[in-house]
C-alpha atoms as a PDB file:
ATOM      1  CA  UNK A   1     117.669  11.124  29.883  1.00  0.00           C
ATOM      2  CA  UNK A   2     114.081  11.312  31.237  1.00  0.00           C
ATOM      3  CA  UNK A   3     113.077   8.099  29.475  1.00  0.00           C
ATOM      4  CA  UNK A   4     116.307   6.315  30.447  1.00  0.00           C
ATOM      5  CA  UNK A   5     115.845   7.331  34.081  1.00  0.00           C
ATOM      6  CA  UNK A   6     112.218   6.197  33.970  1.00  0.00           C
ATOM      7  CA  UNK A   7     113.210   2.771  32.615  1.00  0.00           C
ATOM      8  CA  UNK A   8     115.894   2.484  35.287  1.00  0.00           C
ATOM      9  CA  UNK A   9     113.349   3.270  37.987  1.00  0.00           C
ATOM     10  CA  UNK A  10     110.971   0.710  36.497  1.00  0.00           C
ATOM     11  CA  UNK A  11     113.690  -1.950  36.699  1.00  0.00           C
ATOM     12  CA  UNK A  12     114.682  -0.987  40.236  1.00  0.00           C
ATOM     13  CA  UNK A  13     111.126  -0.873  41.593  1.00  0.00           C
ATOM     14  CA  UNK A  14     110.428  -4.351  40.194  1.00  0.00           C
ATOM     15  CA  UNK A  15     113.304  -6.037  42.070  1.00  0.00           C
ATOM     16  CA  UNK A  16     111.755  -8.588  44.435  1.00  0.00           C
ATOM     17  CA  UNK A  17     113.559  -8.167  47.726  1.00  0.00           C
ATOM     18  CA  UNK A  18     111.630  -7.438  50.939  1.00  0.00           C
ATOM     19  CA  UNK A  19     114.760  -5.970  52.525  1.00  0.00           C
ATOM     20  CA  UNK A  20     115.393  -3.621  49.597  1.00  0.00           C
ATOM     21  CA  UNK A  21     111.683  -2.700  49.510  1.00  0.00           C
ATOM     22  CA  UNK A  22     111.693  -1.781  53.227  1.00  0.00           C
ATOM     23  CA  UNK A  23     114.822   0.326  52.830  1.00  0.00           C
ATOM     24  CA  UNK A  24     113.435   2.098  49.747  1.00  0.00           C
ATOM     25  CA  UNK A  25     110.110   2.801  51.465  1.00  0.00           C
ATOM     26  CA  UNK A  26     111.976   4.232  54.491  1.00  0.00           C
ATOM     27  CA  UNK A  27     113.823   6.660  52.208  1.00  0.00           C
ATOM     28  CA  UNK A  28     110.578   7.454  50.373  1.00  0.00           C
ATOM     29  CA  UNK A  29     108.942   8.435  53.684  1.00  0.00           C
ATOM     30  CA  UNK A  30     111.681  11.014  54.282  1.00  0.00           C
ATOM     31  CA  UNK A  31     110.617  12.974  51.192  1.00  0.00           C
ATOM     32  CA  UNK A  32     106.840  12.503  51.141  1.00  0.00           C
ATOM     33  CA  UNK A  33     103.742  12.090  53.283  1.00  0.00           C
ATOM     34  CA  UNK A  34     103.481   8.357  52.498  1.00  0.00           C
ATOM     35  CA  UNK A  35     100.844   6.778  54.768  1.00  0.00           C
ATOM     36  CA  UNK A  36     100.260   3.028  54.515  1.00  0.00           C
ATOM     37  CA  UNK A  37      97.674   2.701  57.281  1.00  0.00           C
ATOM     38  CA  UNK A  38      94.881   2.284  54.705  1.00  0.00           C
ATOM     39  CA  UNK A  39      96.872  -0.131  52.579  1.00  0.00           C
ATOM     40  CA  UNK A  40      96.413  -3.855  52.130  1.00  0.00           C
ATOM     41  CA  UNK A  41      98.834  -5.550  52.416  1.00  0.00           C
ATOM     42  CA  UNK A  42     101.323  -3.650  54.599  1.00  0.00           C
ATOM     43  CA  UNK A  43     104.401  -5.723  53.680  1.00  0.00           C
ATOM     44  CA  UNK A  44     105.855  -5.718  50.172  1.00  0.00           C
ATOM     45  CA  UNK A  45     108.165  -7.870  48.088  1.00  0.00           C
ATOM     46  CA  UNK A  46     109.172  -4.922  45.889  1.00  0.00           C
ATOM     47  CA  UNK A  47     108.885  -1.149  45.731  1.00  0.00           C
ATOM     48  CA  UNK A  48     106.458  -1.551  42.831  1.00  0.00           C
ATOM     49  CA  UNK A  49     104.094  -3.557  45.039  1.00  0.00           C
ATOM     50  CA  UNK A  50     103.959  -0.598  47.414  1.00  0.00           C
ATOM     51  CA  UNK A  51     103.342   1.886  44.585  1.00  0.00           C
ATOM     52  CA  UNK A  52     100.460  -0.217  43.246  1.00  0.00           C
ATOM     53  CA  UNK A  53      99.043  -1.190  46.643  1.00  0.00           C
ATOM     54  CA  UNK A  54      95.368  -1.852  47.196  1.00  0.00           C
ATOM     55  CA  UNK A  55      93.351  -0.263  49.971  1.00  0.00           C
ATOM     56  CA  UNK A  56      91.555  -2.015  52.797  1.00  0.00           C
ATOM     57  CA  UNK A  57      87.851  -2.711  52.107  1.00  0.00           C
ATOM     58  CA  UNK A  58      85.802   0.354  53.037  1.00  0.00           C
ATOM     59  CA  UNK A  59      88.740   2.761  52.889  1.00  0.00           C
ATOM     60  CA  UNK A  60      86.916   4.752  50.183  1.00  0.00           C
ATOM     61  CA  UNK A  61      83.182   5.488  49.974  1.00  0.00           C
ATOM     62  CA  UNK A  62      81.778   5.651  46.445  1.00  0.00           C
ATOM     63  CA  UNK A  63      79.021   8.257  46.032  1.00  0.00           C
ATOM     64  CA  UNK A  64      75.965   6.346  44.812  1.00  0.00           C
ATOM     65  CA  UNK A  65      74.111   9.459  43.580  1.00  0.00           C
ATOM     66  CA  UNK A  66      73.308   8.770  39.889  1.00  0.00           C
ATOM     67  CA  UNK A  67      73.403  12.497  39.050  1.00  0.00           C
ATOM     68  CA  UNK A  68      77.199  12.656  39.505  1.00  0.00           C
ATOM     69  CA  UNK A  69      80.327  11.112  38.062  1.00  0.00           C
ATOM     70  CA  UNK A  70      82.714  10.179  40.865  1.00  0.00           C
ATOM     71  CA  UNK A  71      86.426  10.828  40.965  1.00  0.00           C
ATOM     72  CA  UNK A  72      88.321   7.919  39.399  1.00  0.00           C
ATOM     73  CA  UNK A  73      91.254   8.355  41.773  1.00  0.00           C
ATOM     74  CA  UNK A  74      92.681  10.133  44.753  1.00  0.00           C
ATOM     75  CA  UNK A  75      94.320  13.357  43.656  1.00  0.00           C
ATOM     76  CA  UNK A  76      94.798  17.101  43.840  1.00  0.00           C
ATOM     77  CA  UNK A  77      92.639  19.089  41.428  1.00  0.00           C
ATOM     78  CA  UNK A  78      94.722  21.057  38.939  1.00  0.00           C
ATOM     79  CA  UNK A  79      92.984  23.106  36.294  1.00  0.00           C
ATOM     80  CA  UNK A  80      89.275  22.379  35.863  1.00  0.00           C
ATOM     81  CA  UNK A  81      86.056  23.863  34.551  1.00  0.00           C
ATOM     82  CA  UNK A  82      84.612  24.494  31.105  1.00  0.00           C
ATOM     83  CA  UNK A  83      86.331  23.534  27.882  1.00  0.00           C
ATOM     84  CA  UNK A  84      86.728  26.689  25.755  1.00  0.00           C
ATOM     85  CA  UNK A  85      85.738  25.396  22.347  1.00  0.00           C
ATOM     86  CA  UNK A  86      88.182  22.505  22.213  1.00  0.00           C
ATOM     87  CA  UNK A  87      90.879  24.174  24.305  1.00  0.00           C
ATOM     88  CA  UNK A  88      91.700  23.539  27.969  1.00  0.00           C
ATOM     89  CA  UNK A  89      94.318  24.804  30.411  1.00  0.00           C
ATOM     90  CA  UNK A  90      97.362  22.961  31.642  1.00  0.00           C
ATOM     91  CA  UNK A  91      98.157  25.933  33.906  1.00  0.00           C
ATOM     92  CA  UNK A  92      97.334  29.634  33.742  1.00  0.00           C
ATOM     93  CA  UNK A  93      98.576  30.932  30.401  1.00  0.00           C
ATOM     94  CA  UNK A  94      99.393  27.448  29.101  1.00  0.00           C
ATOM     95  CA  UNK A  95      96.502  26.162  26.966  1.00  0.00           C
ATOM     96  CA  UNK A  96      96.442  23.046  24.830  1.00  0.00           C
ATOM     97  CA  UNK A  97      93.883  21.596  22.436  1.00  0.00           C
ATOM     98  CA  UNK A  98      91.929  18.420  22.987  1.00  0.00           C
ATOM     99  CA  UNK A  99      92.985  17.134  19.573  1.00  0.00           C
ATOM    100  CA  UNK A 100      96.645  17.344  20.637  1.00  0.00           C
ATOM    101  CA  UNK A 101      95.889  15.524  23.890  1.00  0.00           C
ATOM    102  CA  UNK A 102      93.883  12.839  22.073  1.00  0.00           C
ATOM    103  CA  UNK A 103      96.565  12.002  19.546  1.00  0.00           C
ATOM    104  CA  UNK A 104      95.391  14.284  16.744  1.00  0.00           C
ATOM    105  CA  UNK A 105      91.812  12.975  16.647  1.00  0.00           C
ATOM    106  CA  UNK A 106      89.872  16.110  15.634  1.00  0.00           C
ATOM    107  CA  UNK A 107      86.524  14.296  15.410  1.00  0.00           C
ATOM    108  CA  UNK A 108      86.862  12.961  18.944  1.00  0.00           C
ATOM    109  CA  UNK A 109      87.851  16.410  20.210  1.00  0.00           C
ATOM    110  CA  UNK A 110      84.665  17.861  18.696  1.00  0.00           C
ATOM    111  CA  UNK A 111      82.542  15.544  20.856  1.00  0.00           C
ATOM    112  CA  UNK A 112      83.847  17.451  23.891  1.00  0.00           C
ATOM    113  CA  UNK A 113      83.545  20.966  22.487  1.00  0.00           C
ATOM    114  CA  UNK A 114      82.411  23.337  25.272  1.00  0.00           C
ATOM    115  CA  UNK A 115      82.313  20.418  27.687  1.00  0.00           C
ATOM    116  CA  UNK A 116      83.865  20.105  31.147  1.00  0.00           C
ATOM    117  CA  UNK A 117      87.193  18.795  32.386  1.00  0.00           C
ATOM    118  CA  UNK A 118      89.072  18.087  35.598  1.00  0.00           C
ATOM    119  CA  UNK A 119      92.793  17.396  35.894  1.00  0.00           C
ATOM    120  CA  UNK A 120      93.731  15.211  38.865  1.00  0.00           C
ATOM    121  CA  UNK A 121      97.367  15.067  39.956  1.00  0.00           C
ATOM    122  CA  UNK A 122      98.510  12.040  41.933  1.00  0.00           C
ATOM    123  CA  UNK A 123     101.502  12.617  44.170  1.00  0.00           C
ATOM    124  CA  UNK A 124     104.049   9.844  44.641  1.00  0.00           C
ATOM    125  CA  UNK A 125     102.653   8.955  48.075  1.00  0.00           C
ATOM    126  CA  UNK A 126      99.022   8.602  46.978  1.00  0.00           C
ATOM    127  CA  UNK A 127      96.954   5.527  46.181  1.00  0.00           C
ATOM    128  CA  UNK A 128      97.693   4.881  42.498  1.00  0.00           C
ATOM    129  CA  UNK A 129      94.791   2.751  41.281  1.00  0.00           C
ATOM    130  CA  UNK A 130      91.991   4.298  39.255  1.00  0.00           C
ATOM    131  CA  UNK A 131      88.326   3.372  38.994  1.00  0.00           C
ATOM    132  CA  UNK A 132      85.207   3.803  36.871  1.00  0.00           C
ATOM    133  CA  UNK A 133      83.475   7.173  37.451  1.00  0.00           C
ATOM    134  CA  UNK A 134      80.033   5.717  36.621  1.00  0.00           C
ATOM    135  CA  UNK A 135      78.240   2.681  35.196  1.00  0.00           C
ATOM    136  CA  UNK A 136      79.361   2.518  31.576  1.00  0.00           C
ATOM    137  CA  UNK A 137      80.937   0.432  28.839  1.00  0.00           C
ATOM    138  CA  UNK A 138      84.627   0.822  28.125  1.00  0.00           C
ATOM    139  CA  UNK A 139      84.697   0.578  24.346  1.00  0.00           C
ATOM    140  CA  UNK A 140      88.371   1.088  23.550  1.00  0.00           C
ATOM    141  CA  UNK A 141      91.711   2.377  24.718  1.00  0.00           C
ATOM    142  CA  UNK A 142      94.181   4.411  22.691  1.00  0.00           C
ATOM    143  CA  UNK A 143      97.778   4.214  23.853  1.00  0.00           C
ATOM    144  CA  UNK A 144     100.019   7.127  22.823  1.00  0.00           C
ATOM    145  CA  UNK A 145     103.721   6.745  23.492  1.00  0.00           C
ATOM    146  CA  UNK A 146     105.661   9.886  24.346  1.00  0.00           C
ATOM    147  CA  UNK A 147     108.098  11.629  26.628  1.00  0.00           C
ATOM    148  CA  UNK A 148     108.301  11.464  30.413  1.00  0.00           C
ATOM    149  CA  UNK A 149     108.317  15.064  31.650  1.00  0.00           C
ATOM    150  CA  UNK A 150     107.714  15.762  35.316  1.00  0.00           C
ATOM    151  CA  UNK A 151     104.081  16.852  35.824  1.00  0.00           C
ATOM    152  CA  UNK A 152     104.505  18.829  39.048  1.00  0.00           C
ATOM    153  CA  UNK A 153     103.077  22.386  39.211  1.00  0.00           C
ATOM    154  CA  UNK A 154     106.450  23.975  38.428  1.00  0.00           C
ATOM    155  CA  UNK A 155     106.847  21.968  35.219  1.00  0.00           C
ATOM    156  CA  UNK A 156     103.241  22.639  34.181  1.00  0.00           C
ATOM    157  CA  UNK A 157     103.960  26.388  34.305  1.00  0.00           C
ATOM    158  CA  UNK A 158     107.130  26.085  32.219  1.00  0.00           C
ATOM    159  CA  UNK A 159     106.657  23.339  29.604  1.00  0.00           C
ATOM    160  CA  UNK A 160     104.003  24.096  27.000  1.00  0.00           C
ATOM    161  CA  UNK A 161     101.550  21.331  26.060  1.00  0.00           C
ATOM    162  CA  UNK A 162     103.211  18.991  28.533  1.00  0.00           C
ATOM    163  CA  UNK A 163     100.297  16.542  28.763  1.00  0.00           C
ATOM    164  CA  UNK A 164     100.300  16.319  24.955  1.00  0.00           C
ATOM    165  CA  UNK A 165     103.972  15.324  24.950  1.00  0.00           C
ATOM    166  CA  UNK A 166     103.968  12.652  27.640  1.00  0.00           C
ATOM    167  CA  UNK A 167     103.042   9.000  27.409  1.00  0.00           C
ATOM    168  CA  UNK A 168      99.305   8.586  27.926  1.00  0.00           C
ATOM    169  CA  UNK A 169      96.248   6.432  27.325  1.00  0.00           C
ATOM    170  CA  UNK A 170      92.795   7.592  26.201  1.00  0.00           C
ATOM    171  CA  UNK A 171      90.056   5.433  27.729  1.00  0.00           C
ATOM    172  CA  UNK A 172      86.706   5.658  25.934  1.00  0.00           C
ATOM    173  CA  UNK A 173      83.410   5.088  27.757  1.00  0.00           C
ATOM    174  CA  UNK A 174      79.770   5.150  26.669  1.00  0.00           C
ATOM    175  CA  UNK A 175      76.969   5.537  29.193  1.00  0.00           C
ATOM    176  CA  UNK A 176      74.227   2.874  29.148  1.00  0.00           C
ATOM    177  CA  UNK A 177      71.050   3.770  27.294  1.00  0.00           C
ATOM    178  CA  UNK A 178      72.614   6.681  25.434  1.00  0.00           C
ATOM    179  CA  UNK A 179      75.500   7.651  23.196  1.00  0.00           C
ATOM    180  CA  UNK A 180      76.874  10.050  25.825  1.00  0.00           C
ATOM    181  CA  UNK A 181      80.673   9.668  25.885  1.00  0.00           C
ATOM    182  CA  UNK A 182      83.150  10.079  28.707  1.00  0.00           C
ATOM    183  CA  UNK A 183      86.942  10.040  28.543  1.00  0.00           C
ATOM    184  CA  UNK A 184      89.645   9.321  31.084  1.00  0.00           C
ATOM    185  CA  UNK A 185      93.182  10.215  30.020  1.00  0.00           C
ATOM    186  CA  UNK A 186      95.845   8.773  32.359  1.00  0.00           C
ATOM    187  CA  UNK A 187      99.116  10.632  31.704  1.00  0.00           C
ATOM    188  CA  UNK A 188     102.456   9.147  32.764  1.00  0.00           C
ATOM    189  CA  UNK A 189     105.522  11.122  33.865  1.00  0.00           C
ATOM    190  CA  UNK A 190     109.187  10.861  34.726  1.00  0.00           C
ATOM    191  CA  UNK A 191     109.882   7.809  36.933  1.00  0.00           C
ATOM    192  CA  UNK A 192     106.206   6.821  36.666  1.00  0.00           C
ATOM    193  CA  UNK A 193     105.606   5.548  33.138  1.00  0.00           C
ATOM    194  CA  UNK A 194     103.646   2.320  32.505  1.00  0.00           C
ATOM    195  CA  UNK A 195      99.879   1.934  32.820  1.00  0.00           C
ATOM    196  CA  UNK A 196      98.082  -1.336  33.517  1.00  0.00           C
ATOM    197  CA  UNK A 197      94.427  -1.907  32.547  1.00  0.00           C
ATOM    198  CA  UNK A 198      92.353  -4.889  33.652  1.00  0.00           C
ATOM    199  CA  UNK A 199      90.415  -4.798  30.362  1.00  0.00           C
ATOM    200  CA  UNK A 200      93.625  -5.427  28.377  1.00  0.00           C
ATOM    201  CA  UNK A 201      96.070  -8.205  29.114  1.00  0.00           C
ATOM    202  CA  UNK A 202      99.079  -5.947  28.508  1.00  0.00           C
ATOM    203  CA  UNK A 203     101.062  -3.289  30.338  1.00  0.00           C
ATOM    204  CA  UNK A 204     101.235  -0.046  28.351  1.00  0.00           C
ATOM    205  CA  UNK A 205     104.692   1.462  28.551  1.00  0.00           C
ATOM    206  CA  UNK A 206     107.258   3.584  26.758  1.00  0.00           C
ATOM    207  CA  UNK A 207     108.552   0.741  24.577  1.00  0.00           C
ATOM    208  CA  UNK A 208     105.287   0.639  22.629  1.00  0.00           C
ATOM    209  CA  UNK A 209     105.237   2.873  19.532  1.00  0.00           C
ATOM    210  CA  UNK A 210     101.989   4.795  19.251  1.00  0.00           C
ATOM    211  CA  UNK A 211      99.268   5.605  18.864  1.00  0.00           C
ATOM    212  CA  UNK A 212      97.869   2.087  19.304  1.00  0.00           C
ATOM    213  CA  UNK A 213      94.123   1.451  19.085  1.00  0.00           C
ATOM    214  CA  UNK A 214      93.138  -1.324  21.487  1.00  0.00           C
ATOM    215  CA  UNK A 215      89.465  -2.285  21.087  1.00  0.00           C
ATOM    216  CA  UNK A 216      87.500  -3.733  23.968  1.00  0.00           C
ATOM    217  CA  UNK A 217      83.877  -3.952  25.063  1.00  0.00           C
ATOM    218  CA  UNK A 218      83.783  -4.206  28.827  1.00  0.00           C
ATOM    219  CA  UNK A 219      80.912  -3.200  31.124  1.00  0.00           C
ATOM    220  CA  UNK A 220      82.104  -1.406  34.266  1.00  0.00           C
ATOM    221  CA  UNK A 221      80.321  -0.315  37.401  1.00  0.00           C
ATOM    222  CA  UNK A 222      80.716   2.894  39.361  1.00  0.00           C
ATOM    223  CA  UNK A 223      83.796   2.599  41.550  1.00  0.00           C
ATOM    224  CA  UNK A 224      85.054  -0.586  39.882  1.00  0.00           C
ATOM    225  CA  UNK A 225      88.832  -0.764  39.616  1.00  0.00           C
ATOM    226  CA  UNK A 226      90.029  -0.176  36.036  1.00  0.00           C
ATOM    227  CA  UNK A 227      93.788  -0.426  36.510  1.00  0.00           C
ATOM    228  CA  UNK A 228      96.746   1.424  37.901  1.00  0.00           C
ATOM    229  CA  UNK A 229      99.819   3.477  37.191  1.00  0.00           C
ATOM    230  CA  UNK A 230     102.974   1.522  37.896  1.00  0.00           C
ATOM    231  CA  UNK A 231     103.890   4.524  40.072  1.00  0.00           C
ATOM    232  CA  UNK A 232     101.481   7.482  39.623  1.00  0.00           C
ATOM    233  CA  UNK A 233     100.915  10.686  37.685  1.00  0.00           C
ATOM    234  CA  UNK A 234      97.830  12.511  36.327  1.00  0.00           C
ATOM    235  CA  UNK A 235      94.308  11.678  35.147  1.00  0.00           C
ATOM    236  CA  UNK A 236      92.280  14.075  32.986  1.00  0.00           C
ATOM    237  CA  UNK A 237      88.508  13.550  33.017  1.00  0.00           C
ATOM    238  CA  UNK A 238      86.526  14.883  30.020  1.00  0.00           C
ATOM    239  CA  UNK A 239      82.742  15.112  29.705  1.00  0.00           C
ATOM    240  CA  UNK A 240      80.660  16.679  26.897  1.00  0.00           C
ATOM    241  CA  UNK A 241      78.624  19.875  27.024  1.00  0.00           C
ATOM    242  CA  UNK A 242      75.899  19.912  29.672  1.00  0.00           C
ATOM    243  CA  UNK A 243      77.990  18.407  32.441  1.00  0.00           C
ATOM    244  CA  UNK A 244      79.471  20.566  35.184  1.00  0.00           C
ATOM    245  CA  UNK A 245      81.542  20.335  38.345  1.00  0.00           C
ATOM    246  CA  UNK A 246      80.332  19.251  41.752  1.00  0.00           C
ATOM    247  CA  UNK A 247      80.480  21.753  44.635  1.00  0.00           C
ATOM    248  CA  UNK A 248      83.956  22.016  46.112  1.00  0.00           C
ATOM    249  CA  UNK A 249      85.772  20.884  42.966  1.00  0.00           C
ATOM    250  CA  UNK A 250      88.282  23.662  42.355  1.00  0.00           C
ATOM    251  CA  UNK A 251      92.005  24.104  41.757  1.00  0.00           C
ATOM    252  CA  UNK A 252      93.991  22.876  44.744  1.00  0.00           C
ATOM    253  CA  UNK A 253      91.203  20.780  46.273  1.00  0.00           C
ATOM    254  CA  UNK A 254      92.129  17.296  47.455  1.00  0.00           C
ATOM    255  CA  UNK A 255      89.719  14.566  46.416  1.00  0.00           C
ATOM    256  CA  UNK A 256      89.436  10.862  47.061  1.00  0.00           C
ATOM    257  CA  UNK A 257      88.362   8.114  44.738  1.00  0.00           C
ATOM    258  CA  UNK A 258      84.575   7.821  44.835  1.00  0.00           C
ATOM    259  CA  UNK A 259      83.910  11.455  45.757  1.00  0.00           C
ATOM    260  CA  UNK A 260      81.471  13.367  43.524  1.00  0.00           C
ATOM    261  CA  UNK A 261      83.452  15.077  40.754  1.00  0.00           C
ATOM    262  CA  UNK A 262      81.117  16.092  37.897  1.00  0.00           C
ATOM    263  CA  UNK A 263      77.397  16.596  37.545  1.00  0.00           C
ATOM    264  CA  UNK A 264      75.571  14.542  34.923  1.00  0.00           C
ATOM    265  CA  UNK A 265      73.650  16.327  32.157  1.00  0.00           C
ATOM    266  CA  UNK A 266      69.894  16.052  32.511  1.00  0.00           C
ATOM    267  CA  UNK A 267      69.433  14.868  28.945  1.00  0.00           C
ATOM    268  CA  UNK A 268      71.838  12.794  26.833  1.00  0.00           C
ATOM    269  CA  UNK A 269      73.635  14.952  24.270  1.00  0.00           C
END
């Protein structure tokens, strides 16, 4: 039922009708804090266009400090901090392993042993595009098909290993001049499946079997747009040992794309 409902929402949101889009957005405003004052454009042909809206130039300031990774998206910080071996928290008392999150790749999980992580939850009303946290090369994407559980705080406290069950992509980055890796894991959810990446000329969605390895070799710059959720969901940021969290990054904090998120290790690991 979750997947069927998600596909139905995907069909509905893609209907090109300005009148239907205005009516849907009006209903949406009744149940959320949707604010389109920063958006460009302000008028939409479909509900999907509103979900994937761009922001006006200058609406977000990207921290230029080279000693930090910036937040790839707007969001609310969920669990964050140090990776315990290769285990992280979904919510208090609900751990999961990196290998499970990364599609069973034990070797990849080992690269992030005792590293740092931040989980960013995007609400339905937020800006849904995500960006590069630093200058890097995106070397590949792994698409993992899955379920479409809700990822709100209530569900995260009830459904074990939820992020490991849902549809997700694993985006691999290497920092220039070193072999230091960085991962972004966009996780889809009910009503919000489908992920679009500029580096790949495809939309990743629930109809793809997985995991799919999608090689690419694309240089990206700090703050550069990487893609978007068709609607929104969660992004997990993973860095190896030696990296930490910037001041103010804690559970419940609201962050904006471009804000300092993680500190960079002094020496490549």
